[in-house]
PDB file of N, CA and C in Angstrom:
ATOM      1  N   UNK A   1      25.735 -92.900  -9.839  1.00  0.00           N
ATOM      2  CA  UNK A   1      24.255 -92.294  -9.290  1.00  0.00           C
ATOM      3  C   UNK A   1      23.589 -93.024  -8.476  1.00  0.00           C
ATOM      4  N   UNK A   2      23.499 -94.186  -9.132  1.00  0.00           N
ATOM      5  CA  UNK A   2      22.550 -95.344  -8.276  1.00  0.00           C
ATOM      6  C   UNK A   2      23.186 -95.605  -6.804  1.00  0.00           C
ATOM      7  N   UNK A   3      24.365 -95.692  -6.644  1.00  0.00           N
ATOM      8  CA  UNK A   3      25.060 -96.063  -5.700  1.00  0.00           C
ATOM      9  C   UNK A   3      24.958 -95.021  -4.325  1.00  0.00           C
ATOM     10  N   UNK A   4      24.861 -93.624  -4.892  1.00  0.00           N
ATOM     11  CA  UNK A   4      24.493 -92.553  -4.003  1.00  0.00           C
ATOM     12  C   UNK A   4      22.927 -92.932  -3.466  1.00  0.00           C
ATOM     13  N   UNK A   5      22.392 -93.054  -4.060  1.00  0.00           N
ATOM     14  CA  UNK A   5      21.082 -93.381  -3.550  1.00  0.00           C
ATOM     15  C   UNK A   5      20.850 -94.135  -2.918  1.00  0.00           C
ATOM     16  N   UNK A   6      21.533 -95.828  -2.893  1.00  0.00           N
ATOM     17  CA  UNK A   6      21.452 -96.542  -1.791  1.00  0.00           C
ATOM     18  C   UNK A   6      22.602 -96.196  -0.947  1.00  0.00           C
ATOM     19  N   UNK A   7      23.421 -95.499  -1.037  1.00  0.00           N
ATOM     20  CA  UNK A   7      23.874 -95.094   0.314  1.00  0.00           C
ATOM     21  C   UNK A   7      23.217 -94.201   1.238  1.00  0.00           C
ATOM     22  N   UNK A   8      22.518 -93.015   0.775  1.00  0.00           N
ATOM     23  CA  UNK A   8      21.752 -92.577   1.222  1.00  0.00           C
ATOM     24  C   UNK A   8      20.718 -93.207   1.982  1.00  0.00           C
ATOM     25  N   UNK A   9      19.887 -93.872   1.176  1.00  0.00           N
ATOM     26  CA  UNK A   9      18.717 -95.037   1.640  1.00  0.00           C
ATOM     27  C   UNK A   9      19.236 -95.602   3.205  1.00  0.00           C
ATOM     28  N   UNK A  10      20.862 -96.629   2.991  1.00  0.00           N
ATOM     29  CA  UNK A  10      21.003 -97.141   4.148  1.00  0.00           C
ATOM     30  C   UNK A  10      21.652 -96.346   5.159  1.00  0.00           C
ATOM     31  N   UNK A  11      22.086 -94.974   4.994  1.00  0.00           N
ATOM     32  CA  UNK A  11      22.156 -94.506   6.245  1.00  0.00           C
ATOM     33  C   UNK A  11      20.969 -93.878   6.721  1.00  0.00           C
ATOM     34  N   UNK A  12      20.044 -93.295   6.116  1.00  0.00           N
ATOM     35  CA  UNK A  12      18.836 -93.098   6.626  1.00  0.00           C
ATOM     36  C   UNK A  12      18.137 -94.306   7.503  1.00  0.00           C
ATOM     37  N   UNK A  13      18.288 -95.749   7.125  1.00  0.00           N
ATOM     38  CA  UNK A  13      17.861 -96.975   7.837  1.00  0.00           C
ATOM     39  C   UNK A  13      18.690 -96.624   8.878  1.00  0.00           C
ATOM     40  N   UNK A  14      19.783 -96.422   8.699  1.00  0.00           N
ATOM     41  CA  UNK A  14      20.600 -96.726  10.021  1.00  0.00           C
ATOM     42  C   UNK A  14      20.354 -95.605  11.110  1.00  0.00           C
ATOM     43  N   UNK A  15      19.927 -94.549  10.852  1.00  0.00           N
ATOM     44  CA  UNK A  15      19.474 -93.396  11.590  1.00  0.00           C
ATOM     45  C   UNK A  15      18.326 -93.995  12.205  1.00  0.00           C
ATOM     46  N   UNK A  16      17.506 -94.610  11.747  1.00  0.00           N
ATOM     47  CA  UNK A  16      16.132 -94.724  12.086  1.00  0.00           C
ATOM     48  C   UNK A  16      16.203 -96.125  13.191  1.00  0.00           C
ATOM     49  N   UNK A  17      16.938 -96.811  12.809  1.00  0.00           N
ATOM     50  CA  UNK A  17      17.387 -97.604  13.977  1.00  0.00           C
ATOM     51  C   UNK A  17      17.967 -97.230  15.173  1.00  0.00           C
ATOM     52  N   UNK A  18      18.978 -96.389  15.153  1.00  0.00           N
ATOM     53  CA  UNK A  18      19.719 -95.774  16.181  1.00  0.00           C
ATOM     54  C   UNK A  18      18.454 -95.048  16.764  1.00  0.00           C
ATOM     55  N   UNK A  19      17.764 -94.508  16.333  1.00  0.00           N
ATOM     56  CA  UNK A  19      16.783 -93.513  16.949  1.00  0.00           C
ATOM     57  C   UNK A  19      15.733 -94.496  17.688  1.00  0.00           C
ATOM     58  N   UNK A  20      15.374 -95.762  17.040  1.00  0.00           N
ATOM     59  CA  UNK A  20      14.477 -96.422  17.859  1.00  0.00           C
ATOM     60  C   UNK A  20      15.186 -96.929  18.936  1.00  0.00           C
ATOM     61  N   UNK A  21      16.028 -97.365  19.012  1.00  0.00           N
ATOM     62  CA  UNK A  21      17.186 -98.051  20.148  1.00  0.00           C
ATOM     63  C   UNK A  21      17.298 -96.960  21.142  1.00  0.00           C
ATOM     64  N   UNK A  22      17.685 -95.750  20.807  1.00  0.00           N
ATOM     65  CA  UNK A  22      17.726 -94.837  21.714  1.00  0.00           C
ATOM     66  C   UNK A  22      16.301 -94.498  22.561  1.00  0.00           C
ATOM     67  N   UNK A  23      15.085 -94.586  21.850  1.00  0.00           N
ATOM     68  CA  UNK A  23      13.994 -94.273  22.356  1.00  0.00           C
ATOM     69  C   UNK A  23      13.420 -95.466  23.418  1.00  0.00           C
ATOM     70  N   UNK A  24      14.016 -96.695  22.916  1.00  0.00           N
ATOM     71  CA  UNK A  24      13.587 -97.993  23.888  1.00  0.00           C
ATOM     72  C   UNK A  24      14.544 -98.394  24.865  1.00  0.00           C
ATOM     73  N   UNK A  25      15.614 -97.451  25.095  1.00  0.00           N
ATOM     74  CA  UNK A  25      16.667 -97.663  26.071  1.00  0.00           C
ATOM     75  C   UNK A  25      15.987 -96.340  26.957  1.00  0.00           C
ATOM     76  N   UNK A  26      15.754 -95.264  26.377  1.00  0.00           N
ATOM     77  CA  UNK A  26      15.465 -94.191  27.630  1.00  0.00           C
ATOM     78  C   UNK A  26      13.849 -94.036  27.997  1.00  0.00           C
ATOM     79  N   UNK A  27      13.033 -94.733  27.194  1.00  0.00           N
ATOM     80  CA  UNK A  27      11.910 -95.179  27.714  1.00  0.00           C
ATOM     81  C   UNK A  27      11.225 -96.306  28.430  1.00  0.00           C
ATOM     82  N   UNK A  28      11.485 -97.461  27.538  1.00  0.00           N
ATOM     83  CA  UNK A  28      10.623 -98.713  27.726  1.00  0.00           C
ATOM     84  C   UNK A  28      11.527 -99.336  29.180  1.00  0.00           C
ATOM     85  N   UNK A  29      12.800 -99.678  28.796  1.00  0.00           N
ATOM     86  CA  UNK A  29      13.735-100.045  30.120  1.00  0.00           C
ATOM     87  C   UNK A  29      13.649 -99.650  31.579  1.00  0.00           C
ATOM     88  N   UNK A  30      13.684 -98.009  31.811  1.00  0.00           N
ATOM     89  CA  UNK A  30      13.346 -97.739  32.899  1.00  0.00           C
ATOM     90  C   UNK A  30      12.238 -97.827  33.594  1.00  0.00           C
ATOM     91  N   UNK A  31      11.104 -98.334  32.723  1.00  0.00           N
ATOM     92  CA  UNK A  31       9.831 -98.364  33.327  1.00  0.00           C
ATOM     93  C   UNK A  31       9.746 -99.570  33.687  1.00  0.00           C
ATOM     94  N   UNK A  32      10.344-100.817  33.132  1.00  0.00           N
ATOM     95  CA  UNK A  32      10.376-101.904  33.816  1.00  0.00           C
ATOM     96  C   UNK A  32      11.369-102.285  34.831  1.00  0.00           C
ATOM     97  N   UNK A  33      12.198-101.130  35.299  1.00  0.00           N
ATOM     98  CA  UNK A  33      13.190-101.392  36.318  1.00  0.00           C
ATOM     99  C   UNK A  33      12.600-101.550  37.736  1.00  0.00           C
ATOM    100  N   UNK A  34      13.231-102.014  38.976  1.00  0.00           N
ATOM    101  CA  UNK A  34      12.726-101.890  40.387  1.00  0.00           C
ATOM    102  C   UNK A  34      12.378-100.466  41.134  1.00  0.00           C
ATOM    103  N   UNK A  35      13.315 -99.766  40.411  1.00  0.00           N
ATOM    104  CA  UNK A  35      13.428 -98.530  40.943  1.00  0.00           C
ATOM    105  C   UNK A  35      12.130 -97.709  40.867  1.00  0.00           C
ATOM    106  N   UNK A  36      11.410 -97.770  39.721  1.00  0.00           N
ATOM    107  CA  UNK A  36      10.387 -97.184  39.694  1.00  0.00           C
ATOM    108  C   UNK A  36       9.158 -98.109  40.254  1.00  0.00           C
ATOM    109  N   UNK A  37       9.183 -99.221  40.400  1.00  0.00           N
ATOM    110  CA  UNK A  37       8.274-100.206  40.860  1.00  0.00           C
ATOM    111  C   UNK A  37       8.520 -99.874  42.463  1.00  0.00           C
ATOM    112  N   UNK A  38       9.538 -99.711  43.112  1.00  0.00           N
ATOM    113  CA  UNK A  38       9.778 -98.958  44.765  1.00  0.00           C
ATOM    114  C   UNK A  38       8.936 -97.694  44.652  1.00  0.00           C
ATOM    115  N   UNK A  39       9.005 -97.272  43.450  1.00  0.00           N
ATOM    116  CA  UNK A  39       8.110 -95.733  43.694  1.00  0.00           C
ATOM    117  C   UNK A  39       6.689 -95.827  44.009  1.00  0.00           C
ATOM    118  N   UNK A  40       6.294 -96.708  43.182  1.00  0.00           N
ATOM    119  CA  UNK A  40       5.094 -96.693  43.047  1.00  0.00           C
ATOM    120  C   UNK A  40       4.634 -97.615  44.364  1.00  0.00           C
ATOM    121  N   UNK A  41       5.334 -98.284  44.920  1.00  0.00           N
ATOM    122  CA  UNK A  41       5.173 -99.192  46.043  1.00  0.00           C
ATOM    123  C   UNK A  41       5.054 -98.214  47.525  1.00  0.00           C
ATOM    124  N   UNK A  42       6.259 -97.295  47.370  1.00  0.00           N
ATOM    125  CA  UNK A  42       5.952 -96.171  48.478  1.00  0.00           C
ATOM    126  C   UNK A  42       4.876 -95.215  48.320  1.00  0.00           C
ATOM    127  N   UNK A  43       4.215 -95.166  47.419  1.00  0.00           N
ATOM    128  CA  UNK A  43       2.702 -94.556  47.203  1.00  0.00           C
ATOM    129  C   UNK A  43       1.796 -95.172  47.627  1.00  0.00           C
ATOM    130  N   UNK A  44       1.826 -96.355  47.808  1.00  0.00           N
ATOM    131  CA  UNK A  44       0.793 -97.237  47.919  1.00  0.00           C
ATOM    132  C   UNK A  44      -0.130 -97.596  46.797  1.00  0.00           C
ATOM    133  N   UNK A  45       0.628 -97.554  45.682  1.00  0.00           N
ATOM    134  CA  UNK A  45       0.013 -98.267  44.413  1.00  0.00           C
ATOM    135  C   UNK A  45      -0.348 -99.559  44.106  1.00  0.00           C
ATOM    136  N   UNK A  46       0.832-100.422  44.964  1.00  0.00           N
ATOM    137  CA  UNK A  46       1.390-101.761  44.437  1.00  0.00           C
ATOM    138  C   UNK A  46       2.084-102.528  45.350  1.00  0.00           C
ATOM    139  N   UNK A  47       2.091-103.754  45.611  1.00  0.00           N
ATOM    140  CA  UNK A  47       2.804-104.322  46.403  1.00  0.00           C
ATOM    141  C   UNK A  47       3.656-105.684  45.898  1.00  0.00           C
ATOM    142  N   UNK A  48       4.653-105.878  46.837  1.00  0.00           N
ATOM    143  CA  UNK A  48       5.683-107.023  46.183  1.00  0.00           C
ATOM    144  C   UNK A  48       5.143-108.010  47.102  1.00  0.00           C
ATOM    145  N   UNK A  49       4.969-109.345  46.239  1.00  0.00           N
ATOM    146  CA  UNK A  49       4.261-110.648  46.853  1.00  0.00           C
ATOM    147  C   UNK A  49       5.369-111.790  46.590  1.00  0.00           C
ATOM    148  N   UNK A  50       5.443-112.532  47.793  1.00  0.00           N
ATOM    149  CA  UNK A  50       6.285-113.669  47.814  1.00  0.00           C
ATOM    150  C   UNK A  50       5.623-114.909  47.848  1.00  0.00           C
ATOM    151  N   UNK A  51       5.434-116.211  46.896  1.00  0.00           N
ATOM    152  CA  UNK A  51       4.919-117.144  46.998  1.00  0.00           C
ATOM    153  C   UNK A  51       5.652-118.416  47.877  1.00  0.00           C
ATOM    154  N   UNK A  52       5.031-119.468  47.938  1.00  0.00           N
ATOM    155  CA  UNK A  52       5.643-120.406  48.390  1.00  0.00           C
ATOM    156  C   UNK A  52       7.057-121.131  48.084  1.00  0.00           C
ATOM    157  N   UNK A  53       7.479-120.692  46.761  1.00  0.00           N
ATOM    158  CA  UNK A  53       8.702-121.211  46.414  1.00  0.00           C
ATOM    159  C   UNK A  53       9.529-119.998  46.392  1.00  0.00           C
ATOM    160  N   UNK A  54       9.153-119.065  47.081  1.00  0.00           N
ATOM    161  CA  UNK A  54      10.157-118.035  47.543  1.00  0.00           C
ATOM    162  C   UNK A  54      10.375-117.011  46.169  1.00  0.00           C
ATOM    163  N   UNK A  55       9.630-116.972  44.797  1.00  0.00           N
ATOM    164  CA  UNK A  55       9.399-116.130  43.728  1.00  0.00           C
ATOM    165  C   UNK A  55       8.956-115.123  44.123  1.00  0.00           C
ATOM    166  N   UNK A  56       9.555-113.538  43.966  1.00  0.00           N
ATOM    167  CA  UNK A  56       9.172-112.477  44.127  1.00  0.00           C
ATOM    168  C   UNK A  56       8.344-111.971  42.864  1.00  0.00           C
ATOM    169  N   UNK A  57       6.783-111.320  43.196  1.00  0.00           N
ATOM    170  CA  UNK A  57       6.285-110.850  42.423  1.00  0.00           C
ATOM    171  C   UNK A  57       5.350-109.798  42.613  1.00  0.00           C
ATOM    172  N   UNK A  58       4.669-109.410  41.810  1.00  0.00           N
ATOM    173  CA  UNK A  58       4.232-107.922  41.599  1.00  0.00           C
ATOM    174  C   UNK A  58       2.715-107.591  41.451  1.00  0.00           C
ATOM    175  N   UNK A  59       1.964-106.839  42.463  1.00  0.00           N
ATOM    176  CA  UNK A  59       0.553-107.001  42.714  1.00  0.00           C
ATOM    177  C   UNK A  59       0.367-105.413  42.467  1.00  0.00           C
ATOM    178  N   UNK A  60      -0.554-105.053  41.648  1.00  0.00           N
ATOM    179  CA  UNK A  60      -1.345-103.909  41.756  1.00  0.00           C
ATOM    180  C   UNK A  60      -2.379-103.745  42.716  1.00  0.00           C
ATOM    181  N   UNK A  61      -2.232-102.748  43.427  1.00  0.00           N
ATOM    182  CA  UNK A  61      -3.458-102.499  44.735  1.00  0.00           C
ATOM    183  C   UNK A  61      -4.480-101.304  43.978  1.00  0.00           C
ATOM    184  N   UNK A  62      -4.161-100.706  43.380  1.00  0.00           N
ATOM    185  CA  UNK A  62      -5.493 -99.759  42.747  1.00  0.00           C
ATOM    186  C   UNK A  62      -6.005-100.125  41.213  1.00  0.00           C
ATOM    187  N   UNK A  63      -7.005-100.315  40.777  1.00  0.00           N
ATOM    188  CA  UNK A  63      -7.385-100.162  39.445  1.00  0.00           C
ATOM    189  C   UNK A  63      -6.947 -99.301  38.599  1.00  0.00           C
ATOM    190  N   UNK A  64      -6.449 -99.486  37.700  1.00  0.00           N
ATOM    191  CA  UNK A  64      -5.835 -98.553  36.316  1.00  0.00           C
ATOM    192  C   UNK A  64      -6.959 -97.546  36.284  1.00  0.00           C
ATOM    193  N   UNK A  65      -6.383 -96.427  35.901  1.00  0.00           N
ATOM    194  CA  UNK A  65      -7.373 -95.843  34.913  1.00  0.00           C
ATOM    195  C   UNK A  65      -7.755 -95.783  33.534  1.00  0.00           C
ATOM    196  N   UNK A  66      -9.054 -96.046  32.929  1.00  0.00           N
ATOM    197  CA  UNK A  66      -9.017 -96.562  31.611  1.00  0.00           C
ATOM    198  C   UNK A  66      -8.944 -95.281  30.678  1.00  0.00           C
ATOM    199  N   UNK A  67      -8.226 -95.698  29.640  1.00  0.00           N
ATOM    200  CA  UNK A  67      -8.104 -95.048  28.252  1.00  0.00           C
ATOM    201  C   UNK A  67      -9.271 -93.788  28.013  1.00  0.00           C
ATOM    202  N   UNK A  68     -10.463 -94.500  27.779  1.00  0.00           N
ATOM    203  CA  UNK A  68     -11.678 -93.920  27.419  1.00  0.00           C
ATOM    204  C   UNK A  68     -12.446 -94.077  28.777  1.00  0.00           C
ATOM    205  N   UNK A  69     -12.943 -92.327  28.614  1.00  0.00           N
ATOM    206  CA  UNK A  69     -13.891 -92.471  29.896  1.00  0.00           C
ATOM    207  C   UNK A  69     -15.049 -93.128  29.802  1.00  0.00           C
ATOM    208  N   UNK A  70     -15.931 -93.470  30.802  1.00  0.00           N
ATOM    209  CA  UNK A  70     -16.960 -94.200  30.731  1.00  0.00           C
ATOM    210  C   UNK A  70     -18.101 -93.306  30.645  1.00  0.00           C
ATOM    211  N   UNK A  71     -19.099 -93.681  30.227  1.00  0.00           N
ATOM    212  CA  UNK A  71     -20.429 -92.902  29.741  1.00  0.00           C
ATOM    213  C   UNK A  71     -20.856 -92.039  31.010  1.00  0.00           C
ATOM    214  N   UNK A  72     -21.290 -91.126  30.894  1.00  0.00           N
ATOM    215  CA  UNK A  72     -22.010 -90.259  32.241  1.00  0.00           C
ATOM    216  C   UNK A  72     -23.148 -91.129  32.683  1.00  0.00           C
ATOM    217  N   UNK A  73     -23.190 -91.371  33.897  1.00  0.00           N
ATOM    218  CA  UNK A  73     -24.486 -91.810  34.256  1.00  0.00           C
ATOM    219  C   UNK A  73     -25.428 -90.922  34.640  1.00  0.00           C
ATOM    220  N   UNK A  74     -26.833 -91.381  34.311  1.00  0.00           N
ATOM    221  CA  UNK A  74     -27.932 -90.408  34.620  1.00  0.00           C
ATOM    222  C   UNK A  74     -28.282 -90.147  35.772  1.00  0.00           C
ATOM    223  N   UNK A  75     -28.778 -89.279  36.078  1.00  0.00           N
ATOM    224  CA  UNK A  75     -29.271 -88.816  37.399  1.00  0.00           C
ATOM    225  C   UNK A  75     -30.458 -88.475  37.259  1.00  0.00           C
ATOM    226  N   UNK A  76     -31.375 -88.519  38.481  1.00  0.00           N
ATOM    227  CA  UNK A  76     -32.682 -88.433  38.868  1.00  0.00           C
ATOM    228  C   UNK A  76     -32.609 -87.207  39.639  1.00  0.00           C
ATOM    229  N   UNK A  77     -33.378 -86.243  39.329  1.00  0.00           N
ATOM    230  CA  UNK A  77     -33.657 -84.976  40.208  1.00  0.00           C
ATOM    231  C   UNK A  77     -35.102 -85.164  40.586  1.00  0.00           C
ATOM    232  N   UNK A  78     -35.119 -84.953  41.705  1.00  0.00           N
ATOM    233  CA  UNK A  78     -36.227 -85.182  42.603  1.00  0.00           C
ATOM    234  C   UNK A  78     -37.076 -83.927  42.263  1.00  0.00           C
ATOM    235  N   UNK A  79     -38.482 -83.789  42.194  1.00  0.00           N
ATOM    236  CA  UNK A  79     -39.423 -82.774  41.700  1.00  0.00           C
ATOM    237  C   UNK A  79     -39.305 -81.673  42.978  1.00  0.00           C
ATOM    238  N   UNK A  80     -39.523 -80.537  43.070  1.00  0.00           N
ATOM    239  CA  UNK A  80     -39.385 -79.532  44.312  1.00  0.00           C
ATOM    240  C   UNK A  80     -40.858 -79.737  44.918  1.00  0.00           C
ATOM    241  N   UNK A  81     -40.343 -79.355  46.160  1.00  0.00           N
ATOM    242  CA  UNK A  81     -41.389 -79.758  47.387  1.00  0.00           C
ATOM    243  C   UNK A  81     -42.557 -78.471  47.102  1.00  0.00           C
ATOM    244  N   UNK A  82     -41.859 -77.225  46.852  1.00  0.00           N
ATOM    245  CA  UNK A  82     -42.684 -76.147  46.898  1.00  0.00           C
ATOM    246  C   UNK A  82     -43.731 -76.072  45.666  1.00  0.00           C
ATOM    247  N   UNK A  83     -44.919 -75.990  45.764  1.00  0.00           N
ATOM    248  CA  UNK A  83     -45.609 -75.659  44.548  1.00  0.00           C
ATOM    249  C   UNK A  83     -45.514 -74.274  43.629  1.00  0.00           C
ATOM    250  N   UNK A  84     -45.194 -74.322  42.523  1.00  0.00           N
ATOM    251  CA  UNK A  84     -45.161 -73.187  41.944  1.00  0.00           C
ATOM    252  C   UNK A  84     -46.260 -73.088  41.061  1.00  0.00           C
ATOM    253  N   UNK A  85     -46.899 -71.921  40.993  1.00  0.00           N
ATOM    254  CA  UNK A  85     -47.967 -71.649  40.314  1.00  0.00           C
ATOM    255  C   UNK A  85     -47.781 -70.250  39.532  1.00  0.00           C
ATOM    256  N   UNK A  86     -47.817 -70.399  38.340  1.00  0.00           N
ATOM    257  CA  UNK A  86     -47.792 -69.164  37.443  1.00  0.00           C
ATOM    258  C   UNK A  86     -49.162 -68.299  36.992  1.00  0.00           C
ATOM    259  N   UNK A  87     -49.065 -66.993  37.339  1.00  0.00           N
ATOM    260  CA  UNK A  87     -50.284 -66.299  36.815  1.00  0.00           C
ATOM    261  C   UNK A  87     -50.047 -65.711  35.731  1.00  0.00           C
ATOM    262  N   UNK A  88     -51.168 -65.342  34.952  1.00  0.00           N
ATOM    263  CA  UNK A  88     -50.973 -64.616  33.535  1.00  0.00           C
ATOM    264  C   UNK A  88     -51.256 -62.863  33.988  1.00  0.00           C
ATOM    265  N   UNK A  89     -50.594 -62.399  33.483  1.00  0.00           N
ATOM    266  CA  UNK A  89     -50.918 -60.669  33.705  1.00  0.00           C
ATOM    267  C   UNK A  89     -51.603 -60.136  32.797  1.00  0.00           C
TER     268      UNK A  89
END
């Protein structure tokens, strides 16, 4: 009985590790490839740089969009130029 519980636990752990590895391979590694960097470069979002030593680098040309929206700015509405008078009926 105790051996069966340990085997089920180990199989679950193995499945979890395999799922994490598949997720990493599918999403993280392509995001760091030069293919996606070239797509961003083609759309004008970044540029390749080369320093004096010949090292190739990467520079973003636009500011990233923040995760949390900034608080809305207060607007001042000018008073109307037409005088409005209210009459009692």
